[in-house]
C-alpha atoms as a PDB file:
ATOM      1  CA  MET A   1       0.000   0.000   0.000  1.00  0.00           C
ATOM      2  CA  THR A   2       1.268   3.456  -0.941  1.00  0.00           C
ATOM      3  CA  PRO A   3       1.816   5.575   2.211  1.00  0.00           C
ATOM      4  CA  THR A   4      -0.232   8.774   2.390  1.00  0.00           C
ATOM      5  CA  PRO A   5       2.006  11.854   2.266  1.00  0.00           C
ATOM      6  CA  GLY A   6       2.137  13.947   5.400  1.00  0.00           C
ATOM      7  CA  LEU A   7       2.080  17.230   3.480  1.00  0.00           C
ATOM      8  CA  ILE A   8       1.498  18.256  -0.129  1.00  0.00           C
ATOM      9  CA  SER A   9       2.997  21.584  -1.238  1.00  0.00           C
ATOM     10  CA  ILE A  10       1.178  23.313  -4.100  1.00  0.00           C
ATOM     11  CA  ILE A  11       3.059  26.165  -5.775  1.00  0.00           C
ATOM     12  CA  LEU A  12       0.920  28.821  -7.471  1.00  0.00           C
ATOM     13  CA  PRO A  13       2.809  31.586  -9.325  1.00  0.00           C
ATOM     14  CA  VAL A  14       0.765  34.803  -9.270  1.00  0.00           C
ATOM     15  CA  HIS A  15       1.262  37.689 -11.720  1.00  0.00           C
ATOM     16  CA  ASN A  16      -1.262  40.532 -12.198  1.00  0.00           C
ATOM     17  CA  GLN A  17      -4.144  38.397 -10.905  1.00  0.00           C
ATOM     18  CA  ALA A  18      -5.697  40.678  -8.289  1.00  0.00           C
ATOM     19  CA  ASP A  19      -9.112  40.340  -9.933  1.00  0.00           C
ATOM     20  CA  HIS A  20      -9.401  36.583  -9.370  1.00  0.00           C
ATOM     21  CA  ILE A  21      -6.643  35.115  -7.175  1.00  0.00           C
ATOM     22  CA  GLU A  22      -8.782  35.242  -4.012  1.00  0.00           C
ATOM     23  CA  GLN A  23     -11.688  33.381  -5.598  1.00  0.00           C
ATOM     24  CA  VAL A  24      -9.365  30.823  -7.199  1.00  0.00           C
ATOM     25  CA  THR A  25      -7.484  30.171  -3.961  1.00  0.00           C
ATOM     26  CA  ARG A  26     -10.702  29.729  -1.989  1.00  0.00           C
ATOM     27  CA  GLU A  27     -11.966  27.273  -4.621  1.00  0.00           C
ATOM     28  CA  PHE A  28      -8.710  25.335  -4.330  1.00  0.00           C
ATOM     29  CA  VAL A  29      -8.857  25.221  -0.531  1.00  0.00           C
ATOM     30  CA  ALA A  30     -12.452  23.968  -0.576  1.00  0.00           C
ATOM     31  CA  GLU A  31     -11.774  21.256  -3.178  1.00  0.00           C
ATOM     32  CA  LEU A  32      -8.549  20.120  -1.489  1.00  0.00           C
ATOM     33  CA  ALA A  33     -10.678  18.759   1.362  1.00  0.00           C
ATOM     34  CA  LYS A  34     -11.111  15.718  -0.895  1.00  0.00           C
ATOM     35  CA  VAL A  35      -7.382  14.936  -0.780  1.00  0.00           C
ATOM     36  CA  PRO A  36      -6.380  12.538   2.041  1.00  0.00           C
ATOM     37  CA  ALA A  37      -3.380  14.622   3.082  1.00  0.00           C
ATOM     38  CA  ARG A  38      -2.611  18.018   4.539  1.00  0.00           C
ATOM     39  CA  CYS A  39      -1.976  20.648   1.851  1.00  0.00           C
ATOM     40  CA  GLU A  40      -0.174  23.976   1.803  1.00  0.00           C
ATOM     41  CA  LEU A  41      -0.720  26.561  -0.940  1.00  0.00           C
ATOM     42  CA  ILE A  42       2.348  28.670  -1.727  1.00  0.00           C
ATOM     43  CA  LEU A  43       1.379  31.851  -3.580  1.00  0.00           C
ATOM     44  CA  VAL A  44       4.467  33.186  -5.380  1.00  0.00           C
ATOM     45  CA  GLU A  45       3.652  36.773  -6.306  1.00  0.00           C
ATOM     46  CA  ASN A  46       6.117  37.888  -8.952  1.00  0.00           C
ATOM     47  CA  ALA A  47       6.472  41.476 -10.204  1.00  0.00           C
ATOM     48  CA  SER A  48       2.741  42.222 -10.363  1.00  0.00           C
ATOM     49  CA  ARG A  49       1.686  45.736 -11.332  1.00  0.00           C
ATOM     50  CA  ASP A  50      -1.696  45.468  -9.641  1.00  0.00           C
ATOM     51  CA  ASN A  51      -2.844  44.605  -6.111  1.00  0.00           C
ATOM     52  CA  SER A  52      -2.037  40.881  -6.353  1.00  0.00           C
ATOM     53  CA  LEU A  53       0.348  40.987  -3.395  1.00  0.00           C
ATOM     54  CA  THR A  54      -2.265  42.649  -1.173  1.00  0.00           C
ATOM     55  CA  ALA A  55      -4.821  40.019  -2.159  1.00  0.00           C
ATOM     56  CA  CYS A  56      -2.343  37.193  -1.487  1.00  0.00           C
ATOM     57  CA  ARG A  57      -1.439  38.558   1.934  1.00  0.00           C
ATOM     58  CA  ARG A  58      -5.113  38.897   2.809  1.00  0.00           C
ATOM     59  CA  LEU A  59      -5.605  35.216   1.984  1.00  0.00           C
ATOM     60  CA  ALA A  60      -2.595  34.177   4.049  1.00  0.00           C
ATOM     61  CA  ALA A  61      -3.893  36.124   7.040  1.00  0.00           C
ATOM     62  CA  GLU A  62      -7.237  34.350   6.844  1.00  0.00           C
ATOM     63  CA  LEU A  63      -6.346  30.822   5.691  1.00  0.00           C
ATOM     64  CA  SER A  64      -3.790  28.805   7.663  1.00  0.00           C
ATOM     65  CA  SER A  65      -2.967  26.618   4.645  1.00  0.00           C
ATOM     66  CA  VAL A  66      -1.846  29.602   2.531  1.00  0.00           C
ATOM     67  CA  LYS A  67       1.540  31.276   2.611  1.00  0.00           C
ATOM     68  CA  VAL A  68       2.968  34.016   0.418  1.00  0.00           C
ATOM     69  CA  ILE A  69       6.327  34.623  -1.189  1.00  0.00           C
ATOM     70  CA  THR A  70       7.026  37.753  -3.194  1.00  0.00           C
ATOM     71  CA  THR A  71       9.782  38.702  -5.610  1.00  0.00           C
ATOM     72  CA  GLU A  72      10.488  41.662  -7.845  1.00  0.00           C
ATOM     73  CA  LYS A  73      11.719  39.278 -10.524  1.00  0.00           C
ATOM     74  CA  GLY A  74       8.890  38.335 -12.849  1.00  0.00           C
ATOM     75  CA  GLY A  75       8.484  35.200 -14.918  1.00  0.00           C
ATOM     76  CA  TRP A  76       7.208  31.654 -14.716  1.00  0.00           C
ATOM     77  CA  GLY A  77      10.603  29.982 -14.210  1.00  0.00           C
ATOM     78  CA  PRO A  78      11.812  32.133 -11.296  1.00  0.00           C
ATOM     79  CA  ALA A  79       8.422  31.871  -9.581  1.00  0.00           C
ATOM     80  CA  VAL A  80       8.407  28.069  -9.816  1.00  0.00           C
ATOM     81  CA  ARG A  81      11.968  27.856  -8.523  1.00  0.00           C
ATOM     82  CA  LEU A  82      11.195  30.115  -5.549  1.00  0.00           C
ATOM     83  CA  GLY A  83       8.204  27.958  -4.737  1.00  0.00           C
ATOM     84  CA  LEU A  84      10.306  24.800  -4.872  1.00  0.00           C
ATOM     85  CA  GLN A  85      12.777  26.324  -2.429  1.00  0.00           C
ATOM     86  CA  ALA A  86       9.970  27.138   0.017  1.00  0.00           C
ATOM     87  CA  ALA A  87       8.034  23.875  -0.332  1.00  0.00           C
ATOM     88  CA  GLU A  88       8.096  21.596   2.713  1.00  0.00           C
ATOM     89  CA  GLY A  89       5.867  18.778   1.461  1.00  0.00           C
ATOM     90  CA  ASP A  90       6.574  15.123   0.823  1.00  0.00           C
ATOM     91  CA  VAL A  91       4.736  15.642  -2.481  1.00  0.00           C
ATOM     92  CA  ILE A  92       5.291  18.774  -4.565  1.00  0.00           C
ATOM     93  CA  CYS A  93       3.003  20.311  -7.153  1.00  0.00           C
ATOM     94  CA  TYR A  94       3.194  23.433  -9.266  1.00  0.00           C
ATOM     95  CA  THR A  95       0.525  24.744 -11.586  1.00  0.00           C
ATOM     96  CA  ASN A  96      -0.785  27.756 -13.489  1.00  0.00           C
ATOM     97  CA  SER A  97      -3.047  29.584 -11.053  1.00  0.00           C
ATOM     98  CA  ALA A  98      -4.838  31.457 -13.861  1.00  0.00           C
ATOM     99  CA  ARG A  99      -5.825  28.360 -15.848  1.00  0.00           C
ATOM    100  CA  THR A 100      -6.058  25.391 -13.481  1.00  0.00           C
ATOM    101  CA  THR A 101      -9.479  24.453 -12.151  1.00  0.00           C
ATOM    102  CA  ALA A 102      -9.815  23.172  -8.602  1.00  0.00           C
ATOM    103  CA  GLN A 103     -11.207  19.905  -9.959  1.00  0.00           C
ATOM    104  CA  ASP A 104      -8.231  19.328 -12.297  1.00  0.00           C
ATOM    105  CA  LEU A 105      -5.775  20.114  -9.506  1.00  0.00           C
ATOM    106  CA  VAL A 106      -7.390  17.638  -7.116  1.00  0.00           C
ATOM    107  CA  PHE A 107      -7.693  15.011  -9.866  1.00  0.00           C
ATOM    108  CA  CYS A 108      -3.920  15.106 -10.437  1.00  0.00           C
ATOM    109  CA  LEU A 109      -3.159  15.107  -6.717  1.00  0.00           C
ATOM    110  CA  LEU A 110      -5.382  12.078  -6.115  1.00  0.00           C
ATOM    111  CA  TYR A 111      -3.503  10.191  -8.833  1.00  0.00           C
ATOM    112  CA  ALA A 112      -0.202  11.083  -7.155  1.00  0.00           C
ATOM    113  CA  VAL A 113      -1.426   9.999  -3.717  1.00  0.00           C
ATOM    114  CA  ALA A 114      -2.908   6.757  -5.045  1.00  0.00           C
ATOM    115  CA  TYR A 115       0.116   5.629  -7.052  1.00  0.00           C
ATOM    116  CA  GLY A 116       3.081   7.177  -5.226  1.00  0.00           C
ATOM    117  CA  GLY A 117       6.587   7.210  -6.645  1.00  0.00           C
ATOM    118  CA  VAL A 118       5.483   8.682  -9.993  1.00  0.00           C
ATOM    119  CA  VAL A 119       5.302  12.039 -11.715  1.00  0.00           C
ATOM    120  CA  VAL A 120       1.741  13.060 -12.538  1.00  0.00           C
ATOM    121  CA  LYS A 121       1.213  15.834 -15.068  1.00  0.00           C
ATOM    122  CA  ALA A 122      -1.684  17.259 -17.022  1.00  0.00           C
ATOM    123  CA  ASN A 123      -2.039  16.705 -20.748  1.00  0.00           C
ATOM    124  CA  ARG A 124      -4.281  19.472 -22.057  1.00  0.00           C
ATOM    125  CA  LYS A 125      -6.450  18.061 -24.839  1.00  0.00           C
ATOM    126  CA  ILE A 126      -8.206  21.246 -25.954  1.00  0.00           C
ATOM    127  CA  ARG A 127      -6.821  24.706 -26.803  1.00  0.00           C
ATOM    128  CA  GLU A 128      -8.722  27.965 -27.122  1.00  0.00           C
ATOM    129  CA  ASN A 129      -8.068  28.382 -30.849  1.00  0.00           C
ATOM    130  CA  TRP A 130      -6.234  26.834 -33.787  1.00  0.00           C
ATOM    131  CA  ARG A 131      -3.203  29.132 -33.375  1.00  0.00           C
ATOM    132  CA  ARG A 132      -2.557  27.871 -29.855  1.00  0.00           C
ATOM    133  CA  ARG A 133      -3.146  24.281 -30.952  1.00  0.00           C
ATOM    134  CA  LEU A 134      -0.651  24.666 -33.783  1.00  0.00           C
ATOM    135  CA  GLY A 135       1.919  26.480 -31.666  1.00  0.00           C
ATOM    136  CA  SER A 136       1.716  23.875 -28.900  1.00  0.00           C
ATOM    137  CA  MET A 137       1.961  21.001 -31.359  1.00  0.00           C
ATOM    138  CA  LEU A 138       5.099  22.455 -32.985  1.00  0.00           C
ATOM    139  CA  PHE A 139       6.805  23.042 -29.634  1.00  0.00           C
ATOM    140  CA  ASN A 140       5.998  19.541 -28.400  1.00  0.00           C
ATOM    141  CA  ILE A 141       7.216  17.945 -31.632  1.00  0.00           C
ATOM    142  CA  GLU A 142      10.449  19.929 -31.288  1.00  0.00           C
ATOM    143  CA  CYS A 143      10.974  18.779 -27.675  1.00  0.00           C
ATOM    144  CA  ARG A 144      10.094  15.170 -28.447  1.00  0.00           C
ATOM    145  CA  THR A 145      12.579  15.167 -31.328  1.00  0.00           C
ATOM    146  CA  LEU A 146      15.448  16.949 -29.586  1.00  0.00           C
ATOM    147  CA  PHE A 147      15.198  15.290 -26.178  1.00  0.00           C
ATOM    148  CA  ASP A 148      13.622  11.903 -26.930  1.00  0.00           C
ATOM    149  CA  LEU A 149      10.523  12.668 -24.865  1.00  0.00           C
ATOM    150  CA  SER A 150       7.340  10.626 -24.926  1.00  0.00           C
ATOM    151  CA  ASN A 151       4.896  13.173 -23.489  1.00  0.00           C
ATOM    152  CA  TRP A 152       2.754  15.395 -25.716  1.00  0.00           C
ATOM    153  CA  ASP A 153       2.191  18.417 -23.480  1.00  0.00           C
ATOM    154  CA  VAL A 154       5.525  19.594 -22.143  1.00  0.00           C
ATOM    155  CA  ASN A 155       4.070  22.768 -20.626  1.00  0.00           C
ATOM    156  CA  GLY A 156       0.962  21.128 -19.190  1.00  0.00           C
ATOM    157  CA  THR A 157       0.220  21.722 -15.506  1.00  0.00           C
ATOM    158  CA  PRO A 158      -0.464  20.666 -12.782  1.00  0.00           C
ATOM    159  CA  LYS A 159       2.823  18.817 -12.408  1.00  0.00           C
ATOM    160  CA  VAL A 160       3.042  16.645  -9.262  1.00  0.00           C
ATOM    161  CA  PHE A 161       5.994  14.619  -8.005  1.00  0.00           C
ATOM    162  CA  PRO A 162       7.464  13.121  -4.808  1.00  0.00           C
ATOM    163  CA  ARG A 163      10.208  15.084  -3.066  1.00  0.00           C
ATOM    164  CA  SER A 164      12.446  12.016  -3.400  1.00  0.00           C
ATOM    165  CA  PHE A 165      12.735  12.835  -7.129  1.00  0.00           C
ATOM    166  CA  ASP A 166      15.429  15.297  -6.132  1.00  0.00           C
ATOM    167  CA  LYS A 167      16.472  16.361  -9.647  1.00  0.00           C
ATOM    168  CA  LEU A 168      13.076  18.039  -9.958  1.00  0.00           C
ATOM    169  CA  MET A 169      13.683  20.035  -6.774  1.00  0.00           C
ATOM    170  CA  ASP A 170      16.764  21.646  -8.317  1.00  0.00           C
ATOM    171  CA  LEU A 171      15.593  22.928 -11.691  1.00  0.00           C
ATOM    172  CA  LYS A 172      17.888  25.567 -13.205  1.00  0.00           C
ATOM    173  CA  GLN A 173      16.027  27.337 -15.999  1.00  0.00           C
ATOM    174  CA  GLU A 174      15.233  30.994 -15.319  1.00  0.00           C
ATOM    175  CA  ASN A 175      12.519  31.272 -17.975  1.00  0.00           C
ATOM    176  CA  ASP A 176       9.528  29.464 -19.490  1.00  0.00           C
ATOM    177  CA  LEU A 177      11.765  26.535 -20.470  1.00  0.00           C
ATOM    178  CA  ILE A 178      11.601  25.254 -16.890  1.00  0.00           C
ATOM    179  CA  ASP A 179       8.755  22.936 -17.981  1.00  0.00           C
ATOM    180  CA  ALA A 180      10.900  21.482 -20.755  1.00  0.00           C
ATOM    181  CA  GLU A 181      13.731  21.001 -18.247  1.00  0.00           C
ATOM    182  CA  PHE A 182      11.270  19.242 -15.919  1.00  0.00           C
ATOM    183  CA  CYS A 183      10.293  16.723 -18.615  1.00  0.00           C
ATOM    184  CA  ILE A 184      13.889  16.241 -19.732  1.00  0.00           C
ATOM    185  CA  MET A 185      14.970  15.500 -16.155  1.00  0.00           C
ATOM    186  CA  CYS A 186      12.179  12.944 -15.816  1.00  0.00           C
ATOM    187  CA  ARG A 187      13.396  11.254 -19.007  1.00  0.00           C
ATOM    188  CA  GLN A 188      17.069  11.367 -18.046  1.00  0.00           C
ATOM    189  CA  SER A 189      16.475  10.161 -14.482  1.00  0.00           C
ATOM    190  CA  ASP A 190      13.958   7.444 -15.420  1.00  0.00           C
ATOM    191  CA  TYR A 191      11.249   8.983 -13.254  1.00  0.00           C
ATOM    192  CA  PRO A 192       8.004   7.235 -14.256  1.00  0.00           C
ATOM    193  CA  MET A 193       5.317   9.609 -15.500  1.00  0.00           C
ATOM    194  CA  ILE A 194       1.532   9.439 -15.757  1.00  0.00           C
ATOM    195  CA  GLU A 195      -0.175  11.981 -18.020  1.00  0.00           C
ATOM    196  CA  VAL A 196      -3.723  12.867 -17.007  1.00  0.00           C
ATOM    197  CA  PRO A 197      -6.002  14.246 -19.751  1.00  0.00           C
ATOM    198  CA  VAL A 198      -7.403  17.701 -18.980  1.00  0.00           C
ATOM    199  CA  PHE A 199     -10.171  19.187 -21.110  1.00  0.00           C
ATOM    200  CA  SER A 200     -10.885  22.525 -19.435  1.00  0.00           C
ATOM    201  CA  THR A 201      -9.991  25.692 -21.378  1.00  0.00           C
ATOM    202  CA  ARG A 202     -11.256  28.064 -18.690  1.00  0.00           C
ATOM    203  CA  ARG A 203      -9.105  31.037 -17.792  1.00  0.00           C
ATOM    204  CA  HIS A 204     -10.023  32.592 -14.452  1.00  0.00           C
ATOM    205  CA  GLY A 205      -8.991  36.083 -15.522  1.00  0.00           C
ATOM    206  CA  GLY A 206      -6.104  38.251 -16.625  1.00  0.00           C
ATOM    207  CA  ARG A 207      -4.324  37.997 -19.940  1.00  0.00           C
ATOM    208  CA  SER A 208      -2.049  35.236 -21.183  1.00  0.00           C
ATOM    209  CA  THR A 209       1.631  36.190 -21.332  1.00  0.00           C
ATOM    210  CA  THR A 210       2.187  33.800 -24.250  1.00  0.00           C
ATOM    211  CA  GLY A 211       2.251  35.633 -27.592  1.00  0.00           C
ATOM    212  CA  TYR A 212       3.995  35.217 -30.922  1.00  0.00           C
ATOM    213  CA  MET A 213       7.333  36.532 -29.664  1.00  0.00           C
ATOM    214  CA  SER A 214       7.287  34.433 -26.510  1.00  0.00           C
ATOM    215  CA  ALA A 215       6.443  31.376 -28.630  1.00  0.00           C
ATOM    216  CA  VAL A 216       9.420  32.071 -30.892  1.00  0.00           C
ATOM    217  CA  ARG A 217      11.625  32.419 -27.811  1.00  0.00           C
ATOM    218  CA  LEU A 218      10.386  29.019 -26.620  1.00  0.00           C
ATOM    219  CA  TYR A 219      11.203  27.341 -29.957  1.00  0.00           C
ATOM    220  CA  TRP A 220      14.641  28.948 -30.099  1.00  0.00           C
ATOM    221  CA  GLY A 221      15.246  28.310 -26.411  1.00  0.00           C
ATOM    222  CA  ALA A 222      14.564  24.581 -26.785  1.00  0.00           C
ATOM    223  CA  LEU A 223      17.097  24.401 -29.591  1.00  0.00           C
ATOM    224  CA  THR A 224      19.639  26.339 -27.523  1.00  0.00           C
ATOM    225  CA  LEU A 225      18.992  24.005 -24.597  1.00  0.00           C
ATOM    226  CA  TRP A 226      19.707  21.028 -26.839  1.00  0.00           C
ATOM    227  CA  ARG A 227      22.927  22.587 -28.169  1.00  0.00           C
ATOM    228  CA  LYS A 228      24.116  23.117 -24.577  1.00  0.00           C
ATOM    229  CA  ARG A 229      23.030  19.642 -23.517  1.00  0.00           C
ATOM    230  CA  SER A 230      26.235  18.889 -21.606  1.00  0.00           C
ATOM    231  CA  TRP A 231      24.207  19.813 -18.504  1.00  0.00           C
ATOM    232  CA  LEU A 232      22.066  16.703 -18.988  1.00  0.00           C
ATOM    233  CA  PRO A 233      23.086  14.002 -16.463  1.00  0.00           C
ATOM    234  CA  SER A 234      23.691  11.158 -18.896  1.00  0.00           C
ATOM    235  CA  GLN A 235      25.720  13.345 -21.259  1.00  0.00           C
ATOM    236  CA  ALA A 236      27.888  15.237 -18.779  1.00  0.00           C
ATOM    237  CA  SER A 237      31.564  14.495 -19.068  1.00  0.00           C
END
């Protein structure tokens, strides 16, 4: 029987989400009652230009399961890394707080608790429009080709894993490529992975930070990562 984790740490990067982060967090807290483990929510406010930090601190003052970290450095990668440093759980999760539904989060966590010793990640099956579908498909084909990956949604979250998978606690990328690094490390370290299909396209609020230029940077960044692949464990000399 898989032992129940004592604590699950859930990392939620927050950027310009003052209009919805309180509602989202409360929905998460309510739905997490279905998980047979204690959970902490780590709100990583990063370089917001609105009142996100105030909203996060208000939540932390009211809800014992919520804590807040803030940084002047914006970006998905730095926020995830800060959350990993602060996480105290036996099981770690990070996810997009603007897009993840409470139901999808709990679904992935229940898989992780039930199976243990595996990485559980979302595989988003539906995109908002054909441009996002095409862009995602091209990026995933590139990563599968360059890094011999088997998964089809490199950037899909939630991502859940046991703390014992220590390579995932020490991710290095300081940009959006942190998700690619995550999948590469799973492949290189033989961490077993379960991909859970997710069909929701709901965005709680705010605007996506992924545009044409950021997509191009992702494609080019993956190629650059491959060219500098001496950092990969099995290829380091």
